[in-house]
Amino acid sequence: VTPAKGEPTGAAVLDGRALLSLRDRKGV
């Protein structure tokens, strides 16, 4: 489990890095 502040809702991978949609922070 990794902390991810900002209410993470979705995930994808780009160039080996995880991208997280963050509902509360209104960003990626």
PDB file of all heavy atoms in Angstrom:
ATOM      1  N   VAL A   1       0.841  -1.191   0.000  1.00  0.00           N
ATOM      2  CA  VAL A   1       0.000   0.000   0.000  1.00  0.00           C
ATOM      3  C   VAL A   1       0.877   1.241   0.000  1.00  0.00           C
ATOM      4  O   VAL A   1       1.792   1.374   0.828  1.00  0.00           O
ATOM      5  CB  VAL A   1      -0.952   0.016   1.213  1.00  0.00           C
ATOM      6  CG1 VAL A   1      -1.786   1.289   1.222  1.00  0.00           C
ATOM      7  CG2 VAL A   1      -1.868  -1.209   1.187  1.00  0.00           C
ATOM      8  N   THR A   2       0.603   2.154  -0.928  1.00  0.00           N
ATOM      9  CA  THR A   2       1.355   3.399  -1.063  1.00  0.00           C
ATOM     10  C   THR A   2       0.434   4.574  -0.785  1.00  0.00           C
ATOM     11  O   THR A   2      -0.665   4.640  -1.342  1.00  0.00           O
ATOM     12  CB  THR A   2       1.928   3.527  -2.493  1.00  0.00           C
ATOM     13  OG1 THR A   2       2.754   2.404  -2.775  1.00  0.00           O
ATOM     14  CG2 THR A   2       2.725   4.808  -2.635  1.00  0.00           C
ATOM     15  N   PRO A   3       0.833   5.530   0.053  1.00  0.00           N
ATOM     16  CA  PRO A   3      -0.007   6.717   0.275  1.00  0.00           C
ATOM     17  C   PRO A   3      -0.199   7.492  -1.027  1.00  0.00           C
ATOM     18  O   PRO A   3       0.728   7.616  -1.830  1.00  0.00           O
ATOM     19  CB  PRO A   3       0.797   7.539   1.292  1.00  0.00           C
ATOM     20  CG  PRO A   3       1.711   6.548   1.954  1.00  0.00           C
ATOM     21  CD  PRO A   3       2.044   5.534   0.904  1.00  0.00           C
ATOM     22  N   ALA A   4      -1.408   8.002  -1.219  1.00  0.00           N
ATOM     23  CA  ALA A   4      -1.730   8.777  -2.422  1.00  0.00           C
ATOM     24  C   ALA A   4      -2.773   9.818  -2.045  1.00  0.00           C
ATOM     25  O   ALA A   4      -3.969   9.621  -2.248  1.00  0.00           O
ATOM     26  CB  ALA A   4      -2.221   7.868  -3.541  1.00  0.00           C
ATOM     27  N   LYS A   5      -2.309  10.925  -1.497  1.00  0.00           N
ATOM     28  CA  LYS A   5      -3.206  11.971  -1.021  1.00  0.00           C
ATOM     29  C   LYS A   5      -3.995  12.583  -2.171  1.00  0.00           C
ATOM     30  O   LYS A   5      -3.451  12.850  -3.233  1.00  0.00           O
ATOM     31  CB  LYS A   5      -2.397  13.061  -0.313  1.00  0.00           C
ATOM     32  CG  LYS A   5      -3.234  14.189   0.248  1.00  0.00           C
ATOM     33  CD  LYS A   5      -2.361  15.248   0.889  1.00  0.00           C
ATOM     34  CE  LYS A   5      -3.193  16.416   1.396  1.00  0.00           C
ATOM     35  NZ  LYS A   5      -2.341  17.484   1.995  1.00  0.00           N
ATOM     36  N   GLY A   6      -5.307  12.789  -1.942  1.00  0.00           N
ATOM     37  CA  GLY A   6      -6.125  13.454  -2.951  1.00  0.00           C
ATOM     38  C   GLY A   6      -7.271  12.626  -3.477  1.00  0.00           C
ATOM     39  O   GLY A   6      -7.876  12.959  -4.471  1.00  0.00           O
ATOM     40  N   GLU A   7      -7.595  11.518  -2.814  1.00  0.00           N
ATOM     41  CA  GLU A   7      -8.723  10.654  -3.185  1.00  0.00           C
ATOM     42  C   GLU A   7      -8.514  10.024  -4.560  1.00  0.00           C
ATOM     43  O   GLU A   7      -9.176  10.361  -5.538  1.00  0.00           O
ATOM     44  CB  GLU A   7     -10.023  11.453  -3.151  1.00  0.00           C
ATOM     45  CG  GLU A   7     -11.277  10.601  -3.075  1.00  0.00           C
ATOM     46  CD  GLU A   7     -12.537  11.451  -2.921  1.00  0.00           C
ATOM     47  OE1 GLU A   7     -12.468  12.553  -2.343  1.00  0.00           O
ATOM     48  OE2 GLU A   7     -13.587  10.987  -3.392  1.00  0.00           O
ATOM     49  N   PRO A   8      -7.578   9.079  -4.686  1.00  0.00           N
ATOM     50  CA  PRO A   8      -7.312   8.446  -5.978  1.00  0.00           C
ATOM     51  C   PRO A   8      -8.500   7.601  -6.435  1.00  0.00           C
ATOM     52  O   PRO A   8      -9.109   6.877  -5.652  1.00  0.00           O
ATOM     53  CB  PRO A   8      -6.095   7.567  -5.695  1.00  0.00           C
ATOM     54  CG  PRO A   8      -6.182   7.269  -4.230  1.00  0.00           C
ATOM     55  CD  PRO A   8      -6.756   8.504  -3.601  1.00  0.00           C
ATOM     56  N   THR A   9      -8.816   7.712  -7.720  1.00  0.00           N
ATOM     57  CA  THR A   9     -10.002   7.045  -8.255  1.00  0.00           C
ATOM     58  C   THR A   9      -9.703   6.111  -9.412  1.00  0.00           C
ATOM     59  O   THR A   9     -10.437   5.156  -9.647  1.00  0.00           O
ATOM     60  CB  THR A   9     -11.019   8.091  -8.734  1.00  0.00           C
ATOM     61  OG1 THR A   9     -10.353   8.985  -9.651  1.00  0.00           O
ATOM     62  CG2 THR A   9     -11.562   8.893  -7.564  1.00  0.00           C
ATOM     63  N   GLY A  10      -8.661   6.392 -10.174  1.00  0.00           N
ATOM     64  CA  GLY A  10      -8.318   5.575 -11.329  1.00  0.00           C
ATOM     65  C   GLY A  10      -6.817   5.550 -11.522  1.00  0.00           C
ATOM     66  O   GLY A  10      -6.085   6.375 -10.971  1.00  0.00           O
ATOM     67  N   ALA A  11      -6.335   4.593 -12.318  1.00  0.00           N
ATOM     68  CA  ALA A  11      -4.897   4.432 -12.506  1.00  0.00           C
ATOM     69  C   ALA A  11      -4.592   4.001 -13.931  1.00  0.00           C
ATOM     70  O   ALA A  11      -5.397   3.344 -14.601  1.00  0.00           O
ATOM     71  CB  ALA A  11      -4.339   3.406 -11.512  1.00  0.00           C
ATOM     72  N   ALA A  12      -3.407   4.390 -14.393  1.00  0.00           N
ATOM     73  CA  ALA A  12      -2.881   3.964 -15.684  1.00  0.00           C
ATOM     74  C   ALA A  12      -1.364   3.946 -15.563  1.00  0.00           C
ATOM     75  O   ALA A  12      -0.804   4.385 -14.558  1.00  0.00           O
ATOM     76  CB  ALA A  12      -3.330   4.905 -16.797  1.00  0.00           C
ATOM     77  N   VAL A  13      -0.688   3.446 -16.585  1.00  0.00           N
ATOM     78  CA  VAL A  13       0.775   3.363 -16.561  1.00  0.00           C
ATOM     79  C   VAL A  13       1.327   4.037 -17.804  1.00  0.00           C
ATOM     80  O   VAL A  13       0.845   3.805 -18.922  1.00  0.00           O
ATOM     81  CB  VAL A  13       1.253   1.900 -16.493  1.00  0.00           C
ATOM     82  CG1 VAL A  13       2.775   1.829 -16.557  1.00  0.00           C
ATOM     83  CG2 VAL A  13       0.756   1.238 -15.210  1.00  0.00           C
ATOM     84  N   LEU A  14       2.335   4.881 -17.611  1.00  0.00           N
ATOM     85  CA  LEU A  14       3.006   5.564 -18.709  1.00  0.00           C
ATOM     86  C   LEU A  14       4.510   5.527 -18.445  1.00  0.00           C
ATOM     87  O   LEU A  14       4.980   6.034 -17.421  1.00  0.00           O
ATOM     88  CB  LEU A  14       2.530   7.013 -18.819  1.00  0.00           C
ATOM     89  CG  LEU A  14       3.219   7.871 -19.881  1.00  0.00           C
ATOM     90  CD1 LEU A  14       2.924   7.334 -21.281  1.00  0.00           C
ATOM     91  CD2 LEU A  14       2.787   9.326 -19.773  1.00  0.00           C
ATOM     92  N   ASP A  15       5.243   4.896 -19.356  1.00  0.00           N
ATOM     93  CA  ASP A  15       6.707   4.807 -19.238  1.00  0.00           C
ATOM     94  C   ASP A  15       7.137   4.266 -17.878  1.00  0.00           C
ATOM     95  O   ASP A  15       8.080   4.769 -17.251  1.00  0.00           O
ATOM     96  CB  ASP A  15       7.338   6.179 -19.476  1.00  0.00           C
ATOM     97  CG  ASP A  15       7.064   6.720 -20.867  1.00  0.00           C
ATOM     98  OD1 ASP A  15       6.900   5.903 -21.788  1.00  0.00           O
ATOM     99  OD2 ASP A  15       6.995   7.954 -21.023  1.00  0.00           O
ATOM    100  N   GLY A  16       6.437   3.244 -17.403  1.00  0.00           N
ATOM    101  CA  GLY A  16       6.801   2.598 -16.151  1.00  0.00           C
ATOM    102  C   GLY A  16       6.350   3.314 -14.907  1.00  0.00           C
ATOM    103  O   GLY A  16       6.583   2.836 -13.792  1.00  0.00           O
ATOM    104  N   ARG A  17       5.694   4.463 -15.036  1.00  0.00           N
ATOM    105  CA  ARG A  17       5.212   5.218 -13.884  1.00  0.00           C
ATOM    106  C   ARG A  17       3.696   5.130 -13.807  1.00  0.00           C
ATOM    107  O   ARG A  17       3.013   5.151 -14.837  1.00  0.00           O
ATOM    108  CB  ARG A  17       5.643   6.684 -13.978  1.00  0.00           C
ATOM    109  CG  ARG A  17       7.136   6.904 -13.952  1.00  0.00           C
ATOM    110  CD  ARG A  17       7.475   8.374 -14.124  1.00  0.00           C
ATOM    111  NE  ARG A  17       7.075   8.874 -15.439  1.00  0.00           N
ATOM    112  CZ  ARG A  17       7.162  10.146 -15.806  1.00  0.00           C
ATOM    113  NH1 ARG A  17       7.631  11.049 -14.962  1.00  0.00           N
ATOM    114  NH2 ARG A  17       6.796  10.522 -17.019  1.00  0.00           N
ATOM    115  N   ALA A  18       3.198   5.036 -12.592  1.00  0.00           N
ATOM    116  CA  ALA A  18       1.753   4.994 -12.402  1.00  0.00           C
ATOM    117  C   ALA A  18       1.185   6.410 -12.419  1.00  0.00           C
ATOM    118  O   ALA A  18       1.713   7.320 -11.773  1.00  0.00           O
ATOM    119  CB  ALA A  18       1.410   4.316 -11.077  1.00  0.00           C
ATOM    120  N   LEU A  19       0.109   6.589 -13.162  1.00  0.00           N
ATOM    121  CA  LEU A  19      -0.646   7.835 -13.161  1.00  0.00           C
ATOM    122  C   LEU A  19      -1.925   7.608 -12.377  1.00  0.00           C
ATOM    123  O   LEU A  19      -2.597   6.586 -12.564  1.00  0.00           O
ATOM    124  CB  LEU A  19      -0.998   8.270 -14.583  1.00  0.00           C
ATOM    125  CG  LEU A  19       0.143   8.395 -15.586  1.00  0.00           C
ATOM    126  CD1 LEU A  19      -0.405   8.896 -16.922  1.00  0.00           C
ATOM    127  CD2 LEU A  19       1.239   9.308 -15.078  1.00  0.00           C
ATOM    128  N   LEU A  20      -2.267   8.545 -11.510  1.00  0.00           N
ATOM    129  CA  LEU A  20      -3.464   8.426 -10.693  1.00  0.00           C
ATOM    130  C   LEU A  20      -4.366   9.631 -10.913  1.00  0.00           C
ATOM    131  O   LEU A  20      -3.905  10.779 -10.834  1.00  0.00           O
ATOM    132  CB  LEU A  20      -3.111   8.342  -9.199  1.00  0.00           C
ATOM    133  CG  LEU A  20      -2.251   7.175  -8.736  1.00  0.00           C
ATOM    134  CD1 LEU A  20      -2.022   7.260  -7.231  1.00  0.00           C
ATOM    135  CD2 LEU A  20      -2.892   5.850  -9.096  1.00  0.00           C
ATOM    136  N   SER A  21      -5.640   9.377 -11.200  1.00  0.00           N
ATOM    137  CA  SER A  21      -6.612  10.471 -11.181  1.00  0.00           C
ATOM    138  C   SER A  21      -6.970  10.723  -9.721  1.00  0.00           C
ATOM    139  O   SER A  21      -7.248   9.797  -8.957  1.00  0.00           O
ATOM    140  CB  SER A  21      -7.849  10.105 -11.995  1.00  0.00           C
ATOM    141  OG  SER A  21      -8.419   8.877 -11.566  1.00  0.00           O
ATOM    142  N   LEU A  22      -6.943  11.998  -9.329  1.00  0.00           N
ATOM    143  CA  LEU A  22      -7.141  12.400  -7.939  1.00  0.00           C
ATOM    144  C   LEU A  22      -8.377  13.290  -7.871  1.00  0.00           C
ATOM    145  O   LEU A  22      -8.332  14.466  -8.247  1.00  0.00           O
ATOM    146  CB  LEU A  22      -5.913  13.134  -7.409  1.00  0.00           C
ATOM    147  CG  LEU A  22      -4.596  12.342  -7.490  1.00  0.00           C
ATOM    148  CD1 LEU A  22      -3.420  13.252  -7.195  1.00  0.00           C
ATOM    149  CD2 LEU A  22      -4.620  11.150  -6.545  1.00  0.00           C
ATOM    150  N   ARG A  23      -9.464  12.722  -7.407  1.00  0.00           N
ATOM    151  CA  ARG A  23     -10.741  13.439  -7.445  1.00  0.00           C
ATOM    152  C   ARG A  23     -10.705  14.704  -6.597  1.00  0.00           C
ATOM    153  O   ARG A  23     -11.143  15.779  -7.029  1.00  0.00           O
ATOM    154  CB  ARG A  23     -11.858  12.513  -6.973  1.00  0.00           C
ATOM    155  CG  ARG A  23     -13.249  13.148  -6.993  1.00  0.00           C
ATOM    156  CD  ARG A  23     -14.304  12.116  -6.653  1.00  0.00           C
ATOM    157  NE  ARG A  23     -14.394  11.117  -7.706  1.00  0.00           N
ATOM    158  CZ  ARG A  23     -14.705   9.829  -7.500  1.00  0.00           C
ATOM    159  NH1 ARG A  23     -14.920   9.395  -6.264  1.00  0.00           N
ATOM    160  NH2 ARG A  23     -14.795   8.992  -8.511  1.00  0.00           N
ATOM    161  N   ASP A  24     -10.185  14.605  -5.387  1.00  0.00           N
ATOM    162  CA  ASP A  24     -10.216  15.745  -4.476  1.00  0.00           C
ATOM    163  C   ASP A  24      -9.256  16.847  -4.911  1.00  0.00           C
ATOM    164  O   ASP A  24      -9.520  18.042  -4.717  1.00  0.00           O
ATOM    165  CB  ASP A  24      -9.879  15.286  -3.054  1.00  0.00           C
ATOM    166  CG  ASP A  24     -10.069  16.391  -2.034  1.00  0.00           C
ATOM    167  OD1 ASP A  24     -11.172  16.955  -1.981  1.00  0.00           O
ATOM    168  OD2 ASP A  24      -9.116  16.698  -1.303  1.00  0.00           O
ATOM    169  N   ARG A  25      -8.142  16.474  -5.525  1.00  0.00           N
ATOM    170  CA  ARG A  25      -7.161  17.472  -5.969  1.00  0.00           C
ATOM    171  C   ARG A  25      -7.406  17.925  -7.409  1.00  0.00           C
ATOM    172  O   ARG A  25      -6.668  18.762  -7.939  1.00  0.00           O
ATOM    173  CB  ARG A  25      -5.750  16.908  -5.806  1.00  0.00           C
ATOM    174  CG  ARG A  25      -5.413  16.605  -4.358  1.00  0.00           C
ATOM    175  CD  ARG A  25      -4.069  15.932  -4.175  1.00  0.00           C
ATOM    176  NE  ARG A  25      -2.955  16.862  -4.382  1.00  0.00           N
ATOM    177  CZ  ARG A  25      -1.682  16.527  -4.150  1.00  0.00           C
ATOM    178  NH1 ARG A  25      -1.381  15.297  -3.714  1.00  0.00           N
ATOM    179  NH2 ARG A  25      -0.721  17.404  -4.341  1.00  0.00           N
ATOM    180  N   LYS A  26      -8.425  17.348  -8.049  1.00  0.00           N
ATOM    181  CA  LYS A  26      -8.855  17.762  -9.389  1.00  0.00           C
ATOM    182  C   LYS A  26      -7.698  17.729 -10.377  1.00  0.00           C
ATOM    183  O   LYS A  26      -7.471  18.671 -11.143  1.00  0.00           O
ATOM    184  CB  LYS A  26      -9.471  19.164  -9.349  1.00  0.00           C
ATOM    185  CG  LYS A  26     -10.661  19.301  -8.402  1.00  0.00           C
ATOM    186  CD  LYS A  26     -11.193  20.718  -8.387  1.00  0.00           C
ATOM    187  CE  LYS A  26     -12.330  20.857  -7.383  1.00  0.00           C
ATOM    188  NZ  LYS A  26     -12.874  22.238  -7.339  1.00  0.00           N
ATOM    189  N   GLY A  27      -6.973  16.612 -10.349  1.00  0.00           N
ATOM    190  CA  GLY A  27      -5.840  16.515 -11.245  1.00  0.00           C
ATOM    191  C   GLY A  27      -5.332  15.098 -11.371  1.00  0.00           C
ATOM    192  O   GLY A  27      -5.922  14.144 -10.858  1.00  0.00           O
ATOM    193  N   VAL A  28      -4.210  14.969 -12.060  1.00  0.00           N
ATOM    194  CA  VAL A  28      -3.566  13.668 -12.294  1.00  0.00           C
ATOM    195  C   VAL A  28      -2.191  13.704 -11.657  1.00  0.00           C
ATOM    196  O   VAL A  28      -1.389  14.622 -11.915  1.00  0.00           O
ATOM    197  CB  VAL A  28      -3.449  13.374 -13.800  1.00  0.00           C
ATOM    198  CG1 VAL A  28      -2.654  12.093 -14.031  1.00  0.00           C
ATOM    199  CG2 VAL A  28      -4.832  13.265 -14.431  1.00  0.00           C
TER     200      VAL A  28
END
